Protein backbone atom coordinates (compact mmCIF):
# COMPACT_ATOMS: atom_id res chain seq x y z
CA MET A 1 -134.24 40.70 42.70
CA LYS A 2 -132.41 39.69 39.53
CA THR A 3 -132.50 42.22 36.71
CA TYR A 4 -132.48 41.57 32.96
CA ASP A 5 -132.79 43.70 29.86
CA VAL A 6 -135.73 41.64 28.60
CA ALA A 7 -138.10 39.12 30.16
CA VAL A 8 -139.90 36.83 27.72
CA ILE A 9 -143.09 35.23 28.99
CA GLY A 10 -143.84 31.88 27.34
CA SER A 11 -141.47 29.36 25.77
CA GLY A 12 -143.41 28.57 22.61
CA PRO A 13 -141.98 29.24 19.14
CA SER A 14 -142.55 33.00 19.42
CA GLY A 15 -141.03 33.47 22.86
CA ALA A 16 -138.15 31.06 22.37
CA SER A 17 -137.27 32.61 18.98
CA ALA A 18 -137.33 36.10 20.49
CA ALA A 19 -135.13 35.02 23.38
CA LEU A 20 -132.67 33.35 21.01
CA LYS A 21 -132.40 36.43 18.80
CA LEU A 22 -131.87 38.74 21.77
CA ALA A 23 -129.22 36.54 23.38
CA GLU A 24 -127.31 36.21 20.12
CA ASN A 25 -127.04 40.00 20.10
CA GLY A 26 -125.76 40.42 23.63
CA ILE A 27 -129.04 41.30 25.33
CA SER A 28 -129.56 39.78 28.78
CA VAL A 29 -132.74 37.67 28.65
CA VAL A 30 -134.81 35.63 31.06
CA LEU A 31 -137.33 33.21 29.56
CA ILE A 32 -140.17 32.55 32.00
CA GLU A 33 -142.26 29.41 31.55
CA LYS A 34 -145.11 28.32 33.83
CA GLU A 35 -144.56 24.62 33.12
CA THR A 36 -141.56 22.28 33.08
CA LEU A 37 -140.04 21.60 29.67
CA PRO A 38 -140.60 19.75 27.51
CA ARG A 39 -144.38 20.07 27.92
CA TYR A 40 -147.27 19.05 25.70
CA LYS A 41 -148.82 21.92 23.76
CA THR A 42 -152.23 21.71 22.09
CA CYS A 43 -151.62 22.29 18.39
CA GLY A 44 -152.27 20.53 15.12
CA GLY A 45 -148.53 20.66 14.56
CA GLY A 46 -148.55 21.55 10.86
CA PHE A 47 -145.53 23.78 10.27
CA VAL A 48 -145.81 25.40 6.84
CA TYR A 49 -142.76 25.98 4.70
CA ARG A 50 -142.89 29.78 4.90
CA GLY A 51 -142.08 29.40 8.59
CA ARG A 52 -139.54 26.63 8.20
CA ARG A 53 -137.59 28.41 5.47
CA HIS A 54 -136.88 31.33 7.81
CA MET A 55 -135.70 29.27 10.78
CA PRO A 56 -132.09 30.17 11.65
CA PHE A 57 -131.17 26.50 12.12
CA ASP A 58 -132.16 23.06 10.85
CA VAL A 59 -135.27 21.63 12.55
CA SER A 60 -135.32 18.28 10.76
CA SER A 61 -134.44 16.44 13.99
CA VAL A 62 -137.95 17.17 15.34
CA VAL A 63 -139.89 16.80 12.08
CA GLU A 64 -141.96 13.63 12.20
CA ARG A 65 -143.21 13.67 8.61
CA GLU A 66 -142.96 15.92 5.58
CA PHE A 67 -145.57 16.38 2.88
CA ASN A 68 -144.95 17.86 -0.54
CA LYS A 69 -148.65 17.61 -1.38
CA ILE A 70 -151.83 18.82 0.30
CA ASP A 71 -155.42 17.76 -0.37
CA ILE A 72 -158.46 20.00 0.11
CA TYR A 73 -162.00 18.61 0.12
CA PHE A 74 -165.43 20.19 -0.29
CA ASP A 75 -167.50 17.03 0.05
CA LYS A 76 -170.93 18.67 -0.24
CA ALA A 77 -169.94 19.99 -3.67
CA GLY A 78 -168.01 16.86 -4.67
CA ILE A 79 -164.77 18.83 -5.03
CA HIS A 80 -161.27 17.49 -4.34
CA LEU A 81 -158.32 19.82 -4.91
CA THR A 82 -154.65 19.00 -4.62
CA SER A 83 -151.36 20.86 -4.93
CA GLU A 84 -147.73 19.73 -4.97
CA ARG A 85 -144.35 21.38 -4.56
CA GLU A 86 -140.71 20.26 -4.64
CA GLU A 87 -140.16 21.42 -1.04
CA PRO A 88 -142.31 20.21 1.87
CA ILE A 89 -145.47 22.31 2.00
CA ILE A 90 -146.18 21.16 5.56
CA SER A 91 -143.83 19.56 8.07
CA MET A 92 -145.40 17.65 10.96
CA ILE A 93 -144.06 18.41 14.42
CA MET A 94 -145.00 17.74 18.02
CA ARG A 95 -144.84 21.02 19.86
CA ASP A 96 -143.09 19.68 22.97
CA ASP A 97 -140.10 18.61 20.85
CA PHE A 98 -140.19 21.61 18.51
CA ASP A 99 -140.50 24.26 21.22
CA ASN A 100 -137.85 22.61 23.36
CA LEU A 101 -135.42 22.54 20.42
CA ILE A 102 -135.62 26.33 20.09
CA VAL A 103 -135.32 26.78 23.86
CA GLU A 104 -132.18 24.64 23.93
CA LYS A 105 -130.66 26.79 21.19
CA ALA A 106 -131.52 29.89 23.21
CA LYS A 107 -129.96 28.40 26.35
CA LYS A 108 -126.72 27.78 24.46
CA ALA A 109 -126.83 31.43 23.35
CA GLY A 110 -126.90 32.51 26.99
CA ILE A 111 -130.49 33.04 28.13
CA THR A 112 -131.68 32.29 31.64
CA LEU A 113 -134.57 29.82 31.67
CA LEU A 114 -136.96 29.82 34.62
CA GLU A 115 -139.29 26.83 34.45
CA ASP A 116 -142.28 26.24 36.70
CA HIS A 117 -142.58 30.01 37.22
CA LYS A 118 -146.13 31.25 36.78
CA LEU A 119 -146.55 34.99 36.28
CA LYS A 120 -148.87 36.31 39.00
CA ASP A 121 -148.65 40.09 38.70
CA MET A 122 -146.60 42.98 37.30
CA THR A 123 -145.57 46.32 38.77
CA PHE A 124 -144.71 49.11 36.35
CA GLY A 125 -142.23 51.89 37.05
CA ASP A 126 -138.80 52.85 35.74
CA SER A 127 -138.47 49.11 35.18
CA ILE A 128 -141.00 46.25 35.26
CA ALA A 129 -141.19 43.95 38.27
CA LEU A 130 -142.58 40.55 37.39
CA HIS A 131 -144.03 38.71 40.36
CA THR A 132 -143.96 34.96 39.74
CA SER A 133 -144.97 31.94 41.78
CA LYS A 134 -141.31 31.48 42.72
CA GLY A 135 -140.07 35.00 43.25
CA ASP A 136 -139.66 38.36 41.55
CA ILE A 137 -137.69 39.32 38.45
CA GLN A 138 -137.00 42.77 37.08
CA SER A 139 -136.54 43.83 33.46
CA LYS A 140 -136.70 46.87 31.23
CA PHE A 141 -138.80 45.20 28.53
CA VAL A 142 -141.26 42.31 28.50
CA ILE A 143 -142.19 40.26 25.45
CA ALA A 144 -145.60 38.65 25.96
CA ALA A 145 -145.50 35.34 24.11
CA ASP A 146 -147.93 33.53 26.38
CA GLY A 147 -150.53 32.51 23.86
CA ALA A 148 -154.19 33.13 23.19
CA LEU A 149 -155.15 33.72 26.82
CA SER A 150 -152.06 35.89 27.54
CA PRO A 151 -152.13 36.77 31.25
CA THR A 152 -149.34 39.24 30.50
CA ALA A 153 -151.55 41.26 28.15
CA LYS A 154 -154.32 41.36 30.75
CA LEU A 155 -151.95 42.46 33.51
CA THR A 156 -150.61 45.21 31.27
CA GLY A 157 -154.09 46.57 30.64
CA TRP A 158 -155.07 45.34 27.18
CA GLU A 159 -158.79 44.82 26.65
CA GLU A 160 -159.98 41.90 24.53
CA THR A 161 -160.45 43.04 20.92
CA ARG A 162 -159.33 39.88 19.10
CA TYR A 163 -161.76 37.42 17.54
CA LEU A 164 -161.17 33.95 19.01
CA ILE A 165 -162.63 30.82 17.44
CA PRO A 166 -163.15 27.44 19.14
CA ALA A 167 -161.26 24.33 18.07
CA LEU A 168 -160.88 20.73 19.18
CA GLU A 169 -157.73 18.72 18.56
CA TYR A 170 -157.28 15.00 19.16
CA GLU A 171 -154.14 12.90 19.18
CA VAL A 172 -155.53 9.67 17.77
CA GLU A 173 -154.08 6.19 17.51
CA VAL A 174 -155.92 4.07 14.96
CA SER A 175 -155.58 0.55 13.60
CA PRO A 176 -152.46 -0.22 11.54
CA GLU A 177 -154.64 -0.50 8.44
CA ASP A 178 -156.26 2.91 8.95
CA PHE A 179 -152.94 4.53 9.80
CA GLU A 180 -151.32 3.11 6.68
CA ARG A 181 -154.18 4.52 4.61
CA LEU A 182 -154.39 7.94 6.25
CA SER A 183 -150.68 8.56 6.90
CA LYS A 184 -150.02 9.33 3.26
CA GLU A 185 -152.18 12.44 3.08
CA VAL A 186 -152.45 15.86 4.71
CA ARG A 187 -156.03 16.90 4.24
CA PHE A 188 -158.32 19.83 4.95
CA ASP A 189 -162.10 19.27 4.82
CA PHE A 190 -163.99 22.55 4.55
CA ASP A 191 -167.44 20.98 4.77
CA ALA A 192 -166.67 19.00 7.92
CA VAL A 193 -167.92 21.87 10.12
CA PRO A 194 -170.42 24.61 9.27
CA LEU A 195 -168.48 27.87 9.04
CA GLY A 196 -165.24 25.97 9.65
CA TYR A 197 -163.15 22.98 8.65
CA GLY A 198 -161.55 19.74 9.77
CA TRP A 199 -158.00 18.52 9.35
CA SER A 200 -156.07 15.28 9.47
CA PHE A 201 -152.31 15.58 10.07
CA PRO A 202 -150.32 12.32 10.14
CA LYS A 203 -147.53 12.22 12.72
CA LYS A 204 -144.90 9.52 13.33
CA ASN A 205 -147.26 6.87 14.69
CA HIS A 206 -150.62 8.61 15.18
CA LEU A 207 -152.94 11.19 13.64
CA SER A 208 -153.64 14.73 14.80
CA ILE A 209 -157.29 15.24 13.89
CA GLY A 210 -159.14 18.44 14.58
CA VAL A 211 -162.19 20.55 13.87
CA ALA A 212 -162.60 24.31 14.16
CA SER A 213 -165.44 26.74 13.70
CA ALA A 214 -164.59 30.06 12.08
CA ARG A 215 -167.43 31.80 13.90
CA ARG A 216 -168.37 32.01 17.57
CA THR A 217 -171.78 30.47 17.06
CA LYS A 218 -173.21 27.78 19.31
CA ILE A 219 -171.91 24.58 17.78
CA ASP A 220 -171.32 21.03 18.97
CA LEU A 221 -167.76 20.49 17.81
CA LYS A 222 -167.55 17.07 19.46
CA LYS A 223 -170.47 15.91 17.32
CA HIS A 224 -168.81 17.24 14.18
CA TYR A 225 -165.57 15.55 15.18
CA GLN A 226 -167.37 12.20 15.43
CA GLU A 227 -168.90 12.78 12.01
CA TYR A 228 -165.49 13.73 10.63
CA LEU A 229 -164.09 10.40 11.80
CA LYS A 230 -166.72 8.75 9.61
CA THR A 231 -165.65 10.91 6.68
CA LEU A 232 -162.10 9.69 7.22
CA GLY A 233 -163.32 6.09 7.38
CA ILE A 234 -162.12 5.52 10.95
CA LYS A 235 -164.23 2.99 12.82
CA ASN A 236 -161.97 1.86 15.65
CA ILE A 237 -159.98 4.18 17.93
CA VAL A 238 -157.08 2.53 19.74
CA ASN A 239 -156.32 5.57 21.88
CA GLU A 240 -157.55 9.16 21.85
CA GLN A 241 -156.45 12.29 23.71
CA PHE A 242 -158.75 15.30 23.55
CA HIS A 243 -157.72 18.96 23.77
CA GLY A 244 -159.89 22.06 23.40
CA PHE A 245 -158.47 25.48 22.68
CA GLN A 246 -159.15 28.88 21.16
CA ILE A 247 -157.39 30.51 18.22
CA PRO A 248 -157.24 34.30 17.80
CA VAL A 249 -157.83 34.93 14.09
CA THR A 250 -157.90 38.72 14.13
CA PRO A 251 -155.18 41.01 15.45
CA ARG A 252 -155.77 43.32 18.41
CA GLU A 253 -157.24 46.71 17.61
CA ASP A 254 -155.47 48.70 20.31
CA GLY A 255 -151.80 48.24 19.49
CA TYR A 256 -149.01 45.81 20.37
CA PHE A 257 -146.76 47.94 22.59
CA ARG A 258 -147.46 49.68 25.91
CA LYS A 259 -145.56 50.17 29.15
CA ASN A 260 -142.51 48.53 27.50
CA VAL A 261 -144.48 45.32 26.88
CA LEU A 262 -144.51 43.92 23.34
CA LEU A 263 -147.21 41.45 22.22
CA VAL A 264 -146.29 38.69 19.77
CA GLY A 265 -147.85 35.53 18.31
CA ASP A 266 -151.30 34.53 19.53
CA ALA A 267 -151.09 37.05 22.38
CA ALA A 268 -151.34 39.71 19.68
CA GLY A 269 -153.75 37.79 17.42
CA PHE A 270 -151.33 37.11 14.59
CA ALA A 271 -152.57 33.69 13.35
CA ASP A 272 -153.54 33.43 9.70
CA PRO A 273 -157.25 34.42 9.57
CA VAL A 274 -158.07 32.01 6.72
CA THR A 275 -156.27 28.85 7.87
CA ALA A 276 -155.77 29.65 11.60
CA GLU A 277 -152.12 28.54 11.21
CA GLY A 278 -150.14 30.40 13.83
CA ILE A 279 -146.63 28.96 14.19
CA SER A 280 -145.01 30.81 11.29
CA ASN A 281 -146.34 34.25 12.26
CA ALA A 282 -145.54 33.56 15.91
CA ILE A 283 -141.88 33.01 15.06
CA LEU A 284 -141.86 35.98 12.67
CA THR A 285 -143.28 38.43 15.23
CA GLY A 286 -141.14 37.10 18.06
CA VAL A 287 -138.07 37.87 15.98
CA MET A 288 -139.50 41.27 14.99
CA ALA A 289 -139.94 42.22 18.64
CA ALA A 290 -136.39 41.15 19.43
CA GLU A 291 -134.98 43.02 16.44
CA SER A 292 -136.85 46.18 17.47
CA ILE A 293 -135.29 46.11 20.93
CA ILE A 294 -131.84 45.34 19.51
CA GLU A 295 -131.95 48.01 16.79
CA ALA A 296 -133.28 50.61 19.25
CA LYS A 297 -130.44 49.82 21.66
CA LEU A 298 -132.96 49.38 24.51
CA ASP A 299 -134.56 52.78 23.96
CA SER A 300 -138.27 52.57 24.71
CA LYS A 301 -139.69 55.09 22.23
CA GLU A 302 -137.47 53.88 19.43
CA THR A 303 -138.40 50.26 20.17
CA GLU A 304 -142.09 51.08 19.93
CA ALA A 305 -141.61 52.96 16.65
CA LEU A 306 -139.54 50.18 15.11
CA PHE A 307 -141.94 47.43 16.18
CA ASP A 308 -144.89 49.34 14.77
CA THR A 309 -143.05 49.95 11.50
CA LYS A 310 -142.05 46.31 11.09
CA LEU A 311 -145.57 45.04 11.76
CA SER A 312 -147.19 47.66 9.52
CA LYS A 313 -144.84 46.95 6.65
CA VAL A 314 -144.70 43.17 6.71
CA LEU A 315 -147.69 41.65 8.49
CA LEU A 316 -150.68 43.83 9.37
CA PRO A 317 -151.85 44.60 5.80
CA GLU A 318 -151.80 40.88 4.99
CA LEU A 319 -153.78 40.04 8.12
CA LYS A 320 -156.36 42.71 7.33
CA THR A 321 -156.93 41.13 3.92
CA GLY A 322 -156.97 37.67 5.48
CA VAL A 323 -159.75 38.68 7.86
CA TYR A 324 -161.82 39.91 4.93
CA LEU A 325 -161.17 36.81 2.84
CA ALA A 326 -161.99 34.51 5.76
CA LYS A 327 -165.39 36.16 6.15
CA LEU A 328 -166.13 35.75 2.46
CA PHE A 329 -164.92 32.16 2.43
CA TYR A 330 -166.64 30.80 5.53
CA GLU A 331 -169.93 32.67 5.76
CA ASN A 332 -171.51 31.74 2.41
CA GLU A 333 -171.32 28.05 1.63
CA LYS A 334 -173.13 28.29 -1.70
CA ALA A 335 -170.90 31.08 -2.96
CA ARG A 336 -167.81 29.20 -1.76
CA HIS A 337 -168.80 26.04 -3.61
CA PHE A 338 -169.57 28.03 -6.75
CA LEU A 339 -166.17 29.71 -6.64
CA MET A 340 -164.41 26.41 -5.98
CA LYS A 341 -166.12 24.80 -8.97
CA MET A 342 -165.09 27.72 -11.16
CA TYR A 343 -161.65 28.48 -9.79
CA GLY A 344 -160.80 25.70 -7.32
CA PRO A 345 -157.46 24.54 -8.78
CA ARG A 346 -156.17 28.11 -9.02
CA PHE A 347 -157.36 28.87 -5.49
CA CYS A 348 -155.54 25.77 -4.22
CA GLU A 349 -152.33 26.76 -5.96
CA ALA A 350 -152.58 30.30 -4.58
CA MET A 351 -153.07 29.08 -1.02
CA THR A 352 -150.12 26.72 -1.44
CA ASP A 353 -148.00 29.67 -2.56
CA VAL A 354 -148.99 31.43 0.68
CA PHE A 355 -147.98 28.34 2.67
CA MET A 356 -144.66 28.29 0.84
CA GLY A 357 -143.99 31.97 1.52
CA GLU A 358 -143.92 32.74 -2.20
CA ARG A 359 -146.72 35.31 -1.98
CA SER A 360 -149.03 36.88 0.58
CA TYR A 361 -152.67 37.85 0.50
CA PRO A 362 -153.37 40.89 -1.72
CA THR A 363 -153.60 43.99 0.43
CA ASP A 364 -156.11 46.08 -1.56
CA ILE A 365 -158.67 43.43 -2.34
CA LYS A 366 -161.57 44.97 -0.40
CA SER A 367 -161.63 48.07 -2.58
CA ARG A 368 -161.83 45.90 -5.68
CA ILE A 369 -164.44 43.37 -4.59
CA GLY A 370 -167.93 44.50 -5.61
CA GLU A 371 -169.37 42.83 -8.68
CA LYS A 372 -165.98 41.60 -9.84
CA ILE A 373 -165.12 39.67 -6.67
CA LYS A 374 -163.86 36.60 -8.49
CA GLY A 375 -161.66 38.49 -10.90
CA ALA A 376 -160.30 40.73 -8.15
CA ILE A 377 -159.22 37.80 -5.98
CA PHE A 378 -157.52 35.82 -8.68
CA ASP A 379 -156.06 38.78 -10.57
CA LYS A 380 -154.35 40.00 -7.41
CA PHE A 381 -152.98 36.53 -6.81
CA LYS A 382 -151.88 36.56 -10.48
CA ILE A 383 -153.26 33.12 -11.12
């Protein structure tokens, strides 16, 4: 049985970034992936600038389009908001190319990649034995970067405490005329789905169109998708590939470290609660997990303490506020439309600043809500 310092489960942005960071610092790493790379990954593929700006290398080779402007629509209220920046607010990627780029960098740094290895079970002792579909591997630490369903978290004993929302994503080829019209705009439509939103992300030669509900209510997302196509003015579909998935939009309530297993990305529930964007926080927390192991010099207790400190200082307070803001934003349509009419442009600019990594959500907003909800939100954003 081969032994490594760290086994990373899942080769998405979080796992690949963690493996790269560890290998660059002399830690022996095995990256275990159940599929063969490159593989398609269901994802809208909108990579916000706050994630891109912190990448340790240039990713432009896998960027299909860049957009320095975003458009936000509230059709029921007749509201259209827009925001622009000098740098690309959102870069469009296909996850098979993007993920594989990071993996290739990690391979050059010295990791071992095991493709087509599905994790079946784990045995915990002085070290962790990982039983895969093609043999056993042993490691001192495991980084669980295996997404929303995270078999690793289940095998380690975590109960489900995250809030997962349903989403549909379609890779859509349209007529040349429709593509020419729609390829110039990244748009979010917050009235496309009750308690949710729709999005249209132009890629190199097709559109990624999706709908998501922010609440686990019974809802016919396929119906809302068809209605959203009408909103976009699409009448003829040349080709369409459908993918359903779930997005964890609240972090776990029972910690992110146990039995020398660290949870990162969607496995931990670290997607943005308001926008459901997960790539940037996946990369961030993958690197945090790696740094904790490196800085602790493979000491278990110190790794746990460091990981907890990093998350508590940088990410968890922001996510807590995001969960609260998402509830306010999605659950009362009338209040949302009123606020957008009053403060829409400033809200749009504030959200763009979050996308750019220039600010985060205010961390003490709940204590200041009450009767002065509007002033509290925008004062804390300083807009």
